[in-house]
């Protein structure tokens, strides 16, 4: 269980950037970790806690991945990039075709 915790922390460290793909990965890993903790904590005494941790980690991880896919949508970023691209094209056109002043 200690190795699993270290692996989870390492994966969080790798996904520390603010891109949508890494945000989705971080949300999925958080879901897997939370599900594993819940599964291990709520396992009956006569059953293996590791199996419950894997089972609940998988279920909550898939649900958090689906939710993160809808929440961290790439369309918003694409629209912002298109607007910035149009603005830079207009500025370039102004510099190339606008009135030039010599110093």
PDB file of N, CA and C in Angstrom:
ATOM      1  N   UNK A   1       0.830  -1.185   0.000  1.00  0.00           N
ATOM      2  CA  UNK A   1       0.000   0.000   0.000  1.00  0.00           C
ATOM      3  C   UNK A   1       0.882   1.260   0.000  1.00  0.00           C
ATOM      4  N   UNK A   2       2.050   1.146   0.645  1.00  0.00           N
ATOM      5  CA  UNK A   2       2.959   2.288   0.681  1.00  0.00           C
ATOM      6  C   UNK A   2       3.496   2.581  -0.712  1.00  0.00           C
ATOM      7  N   UNK A   3       3.809   1.527  -1.475  1.00  0.00           N
ATOM      8  CA  UNK A   3       4.294   1.709  -2.841  1.00  0.00           C
ATOM      9  C   UNK A   3       3.230   2.344  -3.723  1.00  0.00           C
ATOM     10  N   UNK A   4       1.983   1.941  -3.532  1.00  0.00           N
ATOM     11  CA  UNK A   4       0.889   2.521  -4.291  1.00  0.00           C
ATOM     12  C   UNK A   4       0.735   4.006  -3.980  1.00  0.00           C
ATOM     13  N   UNK A   5       0.899   4.375  -2.716  1.00  0.00           N
ATOM     14  CA  UNK A   5       0.812   5.780  -2.326  1.00  0.00           C
ATOM     15  C   UNK A   5       1.943   6.592  -2.945  1.00  0.00           C
ATOM     16  N   UNK A   6       3.151   6.025  -2.954  1.00  0.00           N
ATOM     17  CA  UNK A   6       4.277   6.719  -3.570  1.00  0.00           C
ATOM     18  C   UNK A   6       4.086   6.868  -5.075  1.00  0.00           C
ATOM     19  N   UNK A   7       3.561   5.835  -5.723  1.00  0.00           N
ATOM     20  CA  UNK A   7       3.291   5.911  -7.160  1.00  0.00           C
ATOM     21  C   UNK A   7       2.244   6.973  -7.460  1.00  0.00           C
ATOM     22  N   UNK A   8       1.223   7.050  -6.649  1.00  0.00           N
ATOM     23  CA  UNK A   8       0.175   8.054  -6.826  1.00  0.00           C
ATOM     24  C   UNK A   8       0.735   9.462  -6.650  1.00  0.00           C
ATOM     25  N   UNK A   9       1.570   9.655  -5.645  1.00  0.00           N
ATOM     26  CA  UNK A   9       2.198  10.969  -5.436  1.00  0.00           C
ATOM     27  C   UNK A   9       3.116  11.325  -6.601  1.00  0.00           C
ATOM     28  N   UNK A  10       3.849  10.349  -7.120  1.00  0.00           N
ATOM     29  CA  UNK A  10       4.719  10.593  -8.262  1.00  0.00           C
ATOM     30  C   UNK A  10       3.908  10.977  -9.498  1.00  0.00           C
ATOM     31  N   UNK A  11       2.785  10.321  -9.703  1.00  0.00           N
ATOM     32  CA  UNK A  11       1.928  10.655 -10.849  1.00  0.00           C
ATOM     33  C   UNK A  11       1.337  12.054 -10.701  1.00  0.00           C
ATOM     34  N   UNK A  12       0.971  12.441  -9.484  1.00  0.00           N
ATOM     35  CA  UNK A  12       0.505  13.813  -9.257  1.00  0.00           C
ATOM     36  C   UNK A  12       1.604  14.812  -9.568  1.00  0.00           C
ATOM     37  N   UNK A  13       2.831  14.489  -9.198  1.00  0.00           N
ATOM     38  CA  UNK A  13       3.957  15.372  -9.468  1.00  0.00           C
ATOM     39  C   UNK A  13       4.174  15.536 -10.968  1.00  0.00           C
ATOM     40  N   UNK A  14       4.028  14.447 -11.733  1.00  0.00           N
ATOM     41  CA  UNK A  14       4.215  14.522 -13.177  1.00  0.00           C
ATOM     42  C   UNK A  14       3.112  15.320 -13.865  1.00  0.00           C
ATOM     43  N   UNK A  15       1.946  15.357 -13.291  1.00  0.00           N
ATOM     44  CA  UNK A  15       0.831  16.067 -13.923  1.00  0.00           C
ATOM     45  C   UNK A  15       0.602  17.428 -13.288  1.00  0.00           C
ATOM     46  N   UNK A  16       1.660  18.135 -12.944  1.00  0.00           N
ATOM     47  CA  UNK A  16       1.538  19.400 -12.234  1.00  0.00           C
ATOM     48  C   UNK A  16       1.355  20.600 -13.150  1.00  0.00           C
ATOM     49  N   UNK A  17       1.404  20.424 -14.447  1.00  0.00           N
ATOM     50  CA  UNK A  17       1.232  21.548 -15.375  1.00  0.00           C
ATOM     51  C   UNK A  17      -0.263  21.869 -15.500  1.00  0.00           C
ATOM     52  N   UNK A  18      -0.557  23.020 -16.062  1.00  0.00           N
ATOM     53  CA  UNK A  18      -1.937  23.486 -16.095  1.00  0.00           C
ATOM     54  C   UNK A  18      -2.626  23.236 -17.432  1.00  0.00           C
ATOM     55  N   UNK A  19      -2.211  22.252 -18.209  1.00  0.00           N
ATOM     56  CA  UNK A  19      -2.898  21.961 -19.456  1.00  0.00           C
ATOM     57  C   UNK A  19      -4.131  21.122 -19.175  1.00  0.00           C
ATOM     58  N   UNK A  20      -5.040  21.095 -20.132  1.00  0.00           N
ATOM     59  CA  UNK A  20      -6.271  20.336 -19.945  1.00  0.00           C
ATOM     60  C   UNK A  20      -6.005  18.843 -19.828  1.00  0.00           C
ATOM     61  N   UNK A  21      -5.091  18.335 -20.630  1.00  0.00           N
ATOM     62  CA  UNK A  21      -4.800  16.896 -20.566  1.00  0.00           C
ATOM     63  C   UNK A  21      -4.240  16.517 -19.203  1.00  0.00           C
ATOM     64  N   UNK A  22      -3.350  17.327 -18.677  1.00  0.00           N
ATOM     65  CA  UNK A  22      -2.781  17.007 -17.368  1.00  0.00           C
ATOM     66  C   UNK A  22      -3.788  17.251 -16.253  1.00  0.00           C
ATOM     67  N   UNK A  23      -4.695  18.194 -16.441  1.00  0.00           N
ATOM     68  CA  UNK A  23      -5.757  18.392 -15.448  1.00  0.00           C
ATOM     69  C   UNK A  23      -6.686  17.187 -15.423  1.00  0.00           C
ATOM     70  N   UNK A  24      -6.977  16.643 -16.600  1.00  0.00           N
ATOM     71  CA  UNK A  24      -7.793  15.422 -16.648  1.00  0.00           C
ATOM     72  C   UNK A  24      -7.079  14.265 -15.965  1.00  0.00           C
ATOM     73  N   UNK A  25      -5.785  14.141 -16.212  1.00  0.00           N
ATOM     74  CA  UNK A  25      -5.008  13.065 -15.595  1.00  0.00           C
ATOM     75  C   UNK A  25      -4.977  13.226 -14.080  1.00  0.00           C
ATOM     76  N   UNK A  26      -4.793  14.445 -13.605  1.00  0.00           N
ATOM     77  CA  UNK A  26      -4.754  14.687 -12.165  1.00  0.00           C
ATOM     78  C   UNK A  26      -6.104  14.379 -11.522  1.00  0.00           C
ATOM     79  N   UNK A  27      -7.191  14.761 -12.189  1.00  0.00           N
ATOM     80  CA  UNK A  27      -8.526  14.473 -11.642  1.00  0.00           C
ATOM     81  C   UNK A  27      -8.779  12.967 -11.610  1.00  0.00           C
ATOM     82  N   UNK A  28      -8.345  12.261 -12.632  1.00  0.00           N
ATOM     83  CA  UNK A  28      -8.519  10.810 -12.659  1.00  0.00           C
ATOM     84  C   UNK A  28      -7.707  10.151 -11.548  1.00  0.00           C
ATOM     85  N   UNK A  29      -6.461  10.594 -11.373  1.00  0.00           N
ATOM     86  CA  UNK A  29      -5.630  10.027 -10.304  1.00  0.00           C
ATOM     87  C   UNK A  29      -6.201  10.336  -8.927  1.00  0.00           C
ATOM     88  N   UNK A  30      -6.751  11.526  -8.768  1.00  0.00           N
ATOM     89  CA  UNK A  30      -7.380  11.861  -7.485  1.00  0.00           C
ATOM     90  C   UNK A  30      -8.589  10.963  -7.239  1.00  0.00           C
ATOM     91  N   UNK A  31      -9.349  10.688  -8.283  1.00  0.00           N
ATOM     92  CA  UNK A  31     -10.496   9.782  -8.144  1.00  0.00           C
ATOM     93  C   UNK A  31     -10.076   8.375  -7.800  1.00  0.00           C
ATOM     94  N   UNK A  32      -9.008   7.901  -8.441  1.00  0.00           N
ATOM     95  CA  UNK A  32      -8.513   6.557  -8.136  1.00  0.00           C
ATOM     96  C   UNK A  32      -8.030   6.486  -6.692  1.00  0.00           C
ATOM     97  N   UNK A  33      -7.287   7.498  -6.272  1.00  0.00           N
ATOM     98  CA  UNK A  33      -6.790   7.515  -4.892  1.00  0.00           C
ATOM     99  C   UNK A  33      -7.913   7.584  -3.872  1.00  0.00           C
ATOM    100  N   UNK A  34      -8.888   8.459  -4.122  1.00  0.00           N
ATOM    101  CA  UNK A  34     -10.019   8.576  -3.187  1.00  0.00           C
ATOM    102  C   UNK A  34     -10.834   7.292  -3.156  1.00  0.00           C
ATOM    103  N   UNK A  35     -11.065   6.705  -4.326  1.00  0.00           N
ATOM    104  CA  UNK A  35     -11.812   5.446  -4.371  1.00  0.00           C
ATOM    105  C   UNK A  35     -11.079   4.319  -3.669  1.00  0.00           C
ATOM    106  N   UNK A  36      -9.756   4.274  -3.819  1.00  0.00           N
ATOM    107  CA  UNK A  36      -8.977   3.228  -3.145  1.00  0.00           C
ATOM    108  C   UNK A  36      -9.037   3.392  -1.630  1.00  0.00           C
ATOM    109  N   UNK A  37      -8.957   4.621  -1.170  1.00  0.00           N
ATOM    110  CA  UNK A  37      -9.044   4.861   0.280  1.00  0.00           C
ATOM    111  C   UNK A  37     -10.424   4.484   0.800  1.00  0.00           C
ATOM    112  N   UNK A  38     -11.456   4.875   0.080  1.00  0.00           N
ATOM    113  CA  UNK A  38     -12.829   4.540   0.510  1.00  0.00           C
ATOM    114  C   UNK A  38     -13.033   3.031   0.488  1.00  0.00           C
ATOM    115  N   UNK A  39     -12.568   2.373  -0.579  1.00  0.00           N
ATOM    116  CA  UNK A  39     -12.735   0.922  -0.676  1.00  0.00           C
ATOM    117  C   UNK A  39     -12.002   0.170   0.417  1.00  0.00           C
ATOM    118  N   UNK A  40     -10.781   0.596   0.729  1.00  0.00           N
ATOM    119  CA  UNK A  40     -10.021  -0.084   1.785  1.00  0.00           C
ATOM    120  C   UNK A  40     -10.625   0.177   3.155  1.00  0.00           C
ATOM    121  N   UNK A  41     -11.158   1.381   3.342  1.00  0.00           N
ATOM    122  CA  UNK A  41     -11.715   1.720   4.656  1.00  0.00           C
ATOM    123  C   UNK A  41     -13.054   1.041   4.910  1.00  0.00           C
ATOM    124  N   UNK A  42     -13.814   0.772   3.859  1.00  0.00           N
ATOM    125  CA  UNK A  42     -15.150   0.203   4.056  1.00  0.00           C
ATOM    126  C   UNK A  42     -15.214  -1.297   3.771  1.00  0.00           C
ATOM    127  N   UNK A  43     -14.076  -1.950   3.598  1.00  0.00           N
ATOM    128  CA  UNK A  43     -14.070  -3.387   3.321  1.00  0.00           C
ATOM    129  C   UNK A  43     -14.496  -4.168   4.562  1.00  0.00           C
ATOM    130  N   UNK A  44     -15.299  -5.203   4.369  1.00  0.00           N
ATOM    131  CA  UNK A  44     -15.667  -6.050   5.509  1.00  0.00           C
ATOM    132  C   UNK A  44     -14.438  -6.762   6.080  1.00  0.00           C
ATOM    133  N   UNK A  45     -14.528  -7.168   7.322  1.00  0.00           N
ATOM    134  CA  UNK A  45     -13.400  -7.784   8.023  1.00  0.00           C
ATOM    135  C   UNK A  45     -12.993  -9.127   7.419  1.00  0.00           C
ATOM    136  N   UNK A  46     -13.945  -9.869   6.876  1.00  0.00           N
ATOM    137  CA  UNK A  46     -13.627 -11.193   6.369  1.00  0.00           C
ATOM    138  C   UNK A  46     -13.168 -11.185   4.907  1.00  0.00           C
ATOM    139  N   UNK A  47     -13.043 -10.017   4.296  1.00  0.00           N
ATOM    140  CA  UNK A  47     -12.582  -9.919   2.906  1.00  0.00           C
ATOM    141  C   UNK A  47     -11.299  -9.108   2.833  1.00  0.00           C
ATOM    142  N   UNK A  48     -10.598  -9.236   1.718  1.00  0.00           N
ATOM    143  CA  UNK A  48      -9.321  -8.541   1.555  1.00  0.00           C
ATOM    144  C   UNK A  48      -9.560  -7.071   1.212  1.00  0.00           C
ATOM    145  N   UNK A  49      -8.917  -6.204   1.973  1.00  0.00           N
ATOM    146  CA  UNK A  49      -9.095  -4.765   1.774  1.00  0.00           C
ATOM    147  C   UNK A  49      -8.464  -4.290   0.468  1.00  0.00           C
ATOM    148  N   UNK A  50      -7.409  -4.986   0.007  1.00  0.00           N
ATOM    149  CA  UNK A  50      -6.741  -4.574  -1.226  1.00  0.00           C
ATOM    150  C   UNK A  50      -7.654  -4.723  -2.432  1.00  0.00           C
ATOM    151  N   UNK A  51      -8.436  -5.793  -2.444  1.00  0.00           N
ATOM    152  CA  UNK A  51      -9.346  -6.002  -3.565  1.00  0.00           C
ATOM    153  C   UNK A  51     -10.445  -4.952  -3.594  1.00  0.00           C
ATOM    154  N   UNK A  52     -10.946  -4.594  -2.430  1.00  0.00           N
ATOM    155  CA  UNK A  52     -11.949  -3.536  -2.365  1.00  0.00           C
ATOM    156  C   UNK A  52     -11.354  -2.194  -2.776  1.00  0.00           C
ATOM    157  N   UNK A  53     -10.101  -1.958  -2.396  1.00  0.00           N
ATOM    158  CA  UNK A  53      -9.446  -0.707  -2.787  1.00  0.00           C
ATOM    159  C   UNK A  53      -9.296  -0.644  -4.301  1.00  0.00           C
ATOM    160  N   UNK A  54      -8.893  -1.727  -4.937  1.00  0.00           N
ATOM    161  CA  UNK A  54      -8.764  -1.755  -6.395  1.00  0.00           C
ATOM    162  C   UNK A  54     -10.115  -1.588  -7.082  1.00  0.00           C
ATOM    163  N   UNK A  55     -11.111  -2.269  -6.566  1.00  0.00           N
ATOM    164  CA  UNK A  55     -12.449  -2.207  -7.158  1.00  0.00           C
ATOM    165  C   UNK A  55     -13.010  -0.790  -7.088  1.00  0.00           C
ATOM    166  N   UNK A  56     -13.022  -0.218  -5.903  1.00  0.00           N
ATOM    167  CA  UNK A  56     -13.571   1.130  -5.746  1.00  0.00           C
ATOM    168  C   UNK A  56     -12.685   2.190  -6.397  1.00  0.00           C
ATOM    169  N   UNK A  57     -11.389   1.975  -6.390  1.00  0.00           N
ATOM    170  CA  UNK A  57     -10.493   2.900  -7.082  1.00  0.00           C
ATOM    171  C   UNK A  57     -10.768   2.934  -8.576  1.00  0.00           C
ATOM    172  N   UNK A  58     -11.012   1.780  -9.156  1.00  0.00           N
ATOM    173  CA  UNK A  58     -11.339   1.717 -10.582  1.00  0.00           C
ATOM    174  C   UNK A  58     -12.657   2.383 -10.915  1.00  0.00           C
ATOM    175  N   UNK A  59     -13.668   2.124 -10.105  1.00  0.00           N
ATOM    176  CA  UNK A  59     -14.989   2.709 -10.369  1.00  0.00           C
ATOM    177  C   UNK A  59     -14.955   4.231 -10.224  1.00  0.00           C
ATOM    178  N   UNK A  60     -14.430   4.711  -9.118  1.00  0.00           N
ATOM    179  CA  UNK A  60     -14.385   6.164  -8.895  1.00  0.00           C
ATOM    180  C   UNK A  60     -13.431   6.832  -9.880  1.00  0.00           C
ATOM    181  N   UNK A  61     -12.348   6.153 -10.258  1.00  0.00           N
ATOM    182  CA  UNK A  61     -11.421   6.690 -11.246  1.00  0.00           C
ATOM    183  C   UNK A  61     -12.071   6.874 -12.606  1.00  0.00           C
ATOM    184  N   UNK A  62     -12.849   5.900 -13.046  1.00  0.00           N
ATOM    185  CA  UNK A  62     -13.548   6.016 -14.330  1.00  0.00           C
ATOM    186  C   UNK A  62     -14.578   7.142 -14.277  1.00  0.00           C
ATOM    187  N   UNK A  63     -15.314   7.225 -13.190  1.00  0.00           N
ATOM    188  CA  UNK A  63     -16.309   8.295 -13.062  1.00  0.00           C
ATOM    189  C   UNK A  63     -15.659   9.678 -13.036  1.00  0.00           C
ATOM    190  N   UNK A  64     -14.543   9.796 -12.337  1.00  0.00           N
ATOM    191  CA  UNK A  64     -13.860  11.097 -12.301  1.00  0.00           C
ATOM    192  C   UNK A  64     -13.226  11.414 -13.656  1.00  0.00           C
ATOM    193  N   UNK A  65     -12.775  10.406 -14.397  1.00  0.00           N
ATOM    194  CA  UNK A  65     -12.229  10.645 -15.736  1.00  0.00           C
ATOM    195  C   UNK A  65     -13.307  11.142 -16.682  1.00  0.00           C
ATOM    196  N   UNK A  66     -14.489  10.573 -16.592  1.00  0.00           N
ATOM    197  CA  UNK A  66     -15.598  11.024 -17.438  1.00  0.00           C
ATOM    198  C   UNK A  66     -15.996  12.453 -17.080  1.00  0.00           C
ATOM    199  N   UNK A  67     -16.093  12.732 -15.789  1.00  0.00           N
ATOM    200  CA  UNK A  67     -16.451  14.090 -15.361  1.00  0.00           C
ATOM    201  C   UNK A  67     -15.371  15.096 -15.752  1.00  0.00           C
ATOM    202  N   UNK A  68     -14.109  14.725 -15.619  1.00  0.00           N
ATOM    203  CA  UNK A  68     -13.014  15.635 -15.977  1.00  0.00           C
ATOM    204  C   UNK A  68     -12.975  15.882 -17.478  1.00  0.00           C
ATOM    205  N   UNK A  69     -13.356  14.887 -18.268  1.00  0.00           N
ATOM    206  CA  UNK A  69     -13.374  15.057 -19.717  1.00  0.00           C
ATOM    207  C   UNK A  69     -14.398  16.109 -20.130  1.00  0.00           C
ATOM    208  N   UNK A  70     -15.518  16.166 -19.444  1.00  0.00           N
ATOM    209  CA  UNK A  70     -16.513  17.190 -19.752  1.00  0.00           C
ATOM    210  C   UNK A  70     -16.154  18.539 -19.139  1.00  0.00           C
ATOM    211  N   UNK A  71     -15.536  18.532 -17.977  1.00  0.00           N
ATOM    212  CA  UNK A  71     -15.221  19.787 -17.295  1.00  0.00           C
ATOM    213  C   UNK A  71     -14.051  20.510 -17.954  1.00  0.00           C
ATOM    214  N   UNK A  72     -12.978  19.790 -18.271  1.00  0.00           N
ATOM    215  CA  UNK A  72     -11.797  20.381 -18.905  1.00  0.00           C
ATOM    216  C   UNK A  72     -11.912  20.214 -20.419  1.00  0.00           C
ATOM    217  N   UNK A  73     -12.789  20.997 -21.018  1.00  0.00           N
ATOM    218  CA  UNK A  73     -13.077  20.899 -22.442  1.00  0.00           C
ATOM    219  C   UNK A  73     -12.068  21.704 -23.248  1.00  0.00           C
ATOM    220  N   UNK A  74     -11.622  21.155 -24.365  1.00  0.00           N
ATOM    221  CA  UNK A  74     -10.638  21.833 -25.204  1.00  0.00           C
ATOM    222  C   UNK A  74     -11.255  22.900 -26.105  1.00  0.00           C
ATOM    223  N   UNK A  75     -12.566  22.890 -26.280  1.00  0.00           N
ATOM    224  CA  UNK A  75     -13.196  23.863 -27.174  1.00  0.00           C
ATOM    225  C   UNK A  75     -13.029  25.297 -26.688  1.00  0.00           C
ATOM    226  N   UNK A  76     -13.081  25.504 -25.395  1.00  0.00           N
ATOM    227  CA  UNK A  76     -12.899  26.857 -24.855  1.00  0.00           C
ATOM    228  C   UNK A  76     -11.502  27.379 -25.182  1.00  0.00           C
ATOM    229  N   UNK A  77     -10.504  26.541 -24.977  1.00  0.00           N
ATOM    230  CA  UNK A  77      -9.132  26.951 -25.280  1.00  0.00           C
ATOM    231  C   UNK A  77      -8.935  27.183 -26.769  1.00  0.00           C
ATOM    232  N   UNK A  78      -9.561  26.372 -27.594  1.00  0.00           N
ATOM    233  CA  UNK A  78      -9.434  26.554 -29.037  1.00  0.00           C
ATOM    234  C   UNK A  78     -10.051  27.877 -29.482  1.00  0.00           C
ATOM    235  N   UNK A  79     -11.178  28.249 -28.899  1.00  0.00           N
ATOM    236  CA  UNK A  79     -11.800  29.533 -29.249  1.00  0.00           C
ATOM    237  C   UNK A  79     -10.921  30.699 -28.834  1.00  0.00           C
ATOM    238  N   UNK A  80     -10.326  30.621 -27.667  1.00  0.00           N
ATOM    239  CA  UNK A  80      -9.427  31.686 -27.203  1.00  0.00           C
ATOM    240  C   UNK A  80      -8.209  31.774 -28.111  1.00  0.00           C
ATOM    241  N   UNK A  81      -7.666  30.630 -28.500  1.00  0.00           N
ATOM    242  CA  UNK A  81      -6.505  30.626 -29.397  1.00  0.00           C
ATOM    243  C   UNK A  81      -6.851  31.216 -30.756  1.00  0.00           C
ATOM    244  N   UNK A  82      -8.045  30.927 -31.277  1.00  0.00           N
ATOM    245  CA  UNK A  82      -8.461  31.487 -32.561  1.00  0.00           C
ATOM    246  C   UNK A  82      -8.573  33.007 -32.481  1.00  0.00           C
ATOM    247  N   UNK A  83      -9.147  33.510 -31.380  1.00  0.00           N
ATOM    248  CA  UNK A  83      -9.264  34.957 -31.221  1.00  0.00           C
ATOM    249  C   UNK A  83      -7.895  35.617 -31.119  1.00  0.00           C
ATOM    250  N   UNK A  84      -6.986  35.003 -30.384  1.00  0.00           N
ATOM    251  CA  UNK A  84      -5.637  35.556 -30.277  1.00  0.00           C
ATOM    252  C   UNK A  84      -4.917  35.519 -31.619  1.00  0.00           C
ATOM    253  N   UNK A  85      -5.143  34.472 -32.389  1.00  0.00           N
ATOM    254  CA  UNK A  85      -4.529  34.354 -33.707  1.00  0.00           C
ATOM    255  C   UNK A  85      -5.044  35.447 -34.646  1.00  0.00           C
ATOM    256  N   UNK A  86      -6.345  35.701 -34.614  1.00  0.00           N
ATOM    257  CA  UNK A  86      -6.909  36.773 -35.445  1.00  0.00           C
ATOM    258  C   UNK A  86      -6.367  38.134 -35.034  1.00  0.00           C
ATOM    259  N   UNK A  87      -6.208  38.363 -33.750  1.00  0.00           N
ATOM    260  CA  UNK A  87      -5.663  39.624 -33.260  1.00  0.00           C
ATOM    261  C   UNK A  87      -4.220  39.811 -33.733  1.00  0.00           C
ATOM    262  N   UNK A  88      -3.420  38.757 -33.646  1.00  0.00           N
ATOM    263  CA  UNK A  88      -2.030  38.863 -34.081  1.00  0.00           C
ATOM    264  C   UNK A  88      -1.930  39.042 -35.597  1.00  0.00           C
ATOM    265  N   UNK A  89      -2.840  38.412 -36.353  1.00  0.00           N
ATOM    266  CA  UNK A  89      -2.851  38.622 -37.801  1.00  0.00           C
ATOM    267  C   UNK A  89      -3.189  40.072 -38.135  1.00  0.00           C
ATOM    268  N   UNK A  90      -4.144  40.644 -37.407  1.00  0.00           N
ATOM    269  CA  UNK A  90      -4.497  42.049 -37.643  1.00  0.00           C
ATOM    270  C   UNK A  90      -3.334  42.969 -37.300  1.00  0.00           C
ATOM    271  N   UNK A  91      -2.621  42.698 -36.233  1.00  0.00           N
ATOM    272  CA  UNK A  91      -1.462  43.510 -35.873  1.00  0.00           C
ATOM    273  C   UNK A  91      -0.350  43.375 -36.912  1.00  0.00           C
ATOM    274  N   UNK A  92      -0.126  42.165 -37.419  1.00  0.00           N
ATOM    275  CA  UNK A  92       0.887  41.957 -38.436  1.00  0.00           C
ATOM    276  C   UNK A  92       0.511  42.688 -39.726  1.00  0.00           C
ATOM    277  N   UNK A  93      -0.757  42.623 -40.082  1.00  0.00           N
ATOM    278  CA  UNK A  93      -1.216  43.326 -41.275  1.00  0.00           C
ATOM    279  C   UNK A  93      -1.037  44.829 -41.119  1.00  0.00           C
ATOM    280  N   UNK A  94      -1.306  45.353 -39.939  1.00  0.00           N
ATOM    281  CA  UNK A  94      -1.121  46.789 -39.695  1.00  0.00           C
ATOM    282  C   UNK A  94       0.347  47.170 -39.829  1.00  0.00           C
ATOM    283  N   UNK A  95       1.231  46.347 -39.282  1.00  0.00           N
ATOM    284  CA  UNK A  95       2.666  46.666 -39.363  1.00  0.00           C
ATOM    285  C   UNK A  95       3.195  46.562 -40.796  1.00  0.00           C
ATOM    286  N   UNK A  96       2.673  45.622 -41.544  1.00  0.00           N
ATOM    287  CA  UNK A  96       3.159  45.438 -42.909  1.00  0.00           C
ATOM    288  C   UNK A  96       2.578  46.464 -43.880  1.00  0.00           C
ATOM    289  N   UNK A  97       1.310  46.809 -43.728  1.00  0.00           N
ATOM    290  CA  UNK A  97       0.628  47.649 -44.697  1.00  0.00           C
ATOM    291  C   UNK A  97       0.277  49.042 -44.176  1.00  0.00           C
ATOM    292  N   UNK A  98       0.482  49.291 -42.892  1.00  0.00           N
ATOM    293  CA  UNK A  98       0.110  50.576 -42.311  1.00  0.00           C
ATOM    294  C   UNK A  98       1.135  51.654 -42.635  1.00  0.00           C
ATOM    295  N   UNK A  99       0.826  52.859 -42.216  1.00  0.00           N
ATOM    296  CA  UNK A  99       1.772  53.967 -42.477  1.00  0.00           C
ATOM    297  C   UNK A  99       3.053  53.776 -41.670  1.00  0.00           C
ATOM    298  N   UNK A 100       4.170  53.922 -42.323  1.00  0.00           N
ATOM    299  CA  UNK A 100       5.462  53.746 -41.679  1.00  0.00           C
ATOM    300  C   UNK A 100       6.042  55.111 -41.359  1.00  0.00           C
ATOM    301  N   UNK A 101       6.527  55.291 -40.172  1.00  0.00           N
ATOM    302  CA  UNK A 101       7.178  56.540 -39.789  1.00  0.00           C
ATOM    303  C   UNK A 101       8.645  56.255 -39.567  1.00  0.00           C
ATOM    304  N   UNK A 102       9.453  57.059 -40.188  1.00  0.00           N
ATOM    305  CA  UNK A 102      10.899  56.904 -40.055  1.00  0.00           C
ATOM    306  C   UNK A 102      11.386  57.772 -38.916  1.00  0.00           C
ATOM    307  N   UNK A 103      12.257  57.271 -38.135  1.00  0.00           N
ATOM    308  CA  UNK A 103      12.808  58.038 -37.014  1.00  0.00           C
ATOM    309  C   UNK A 103      14.051  58.764 -37.414  1.00  0.00           C
TER     310      UNK A 103
END
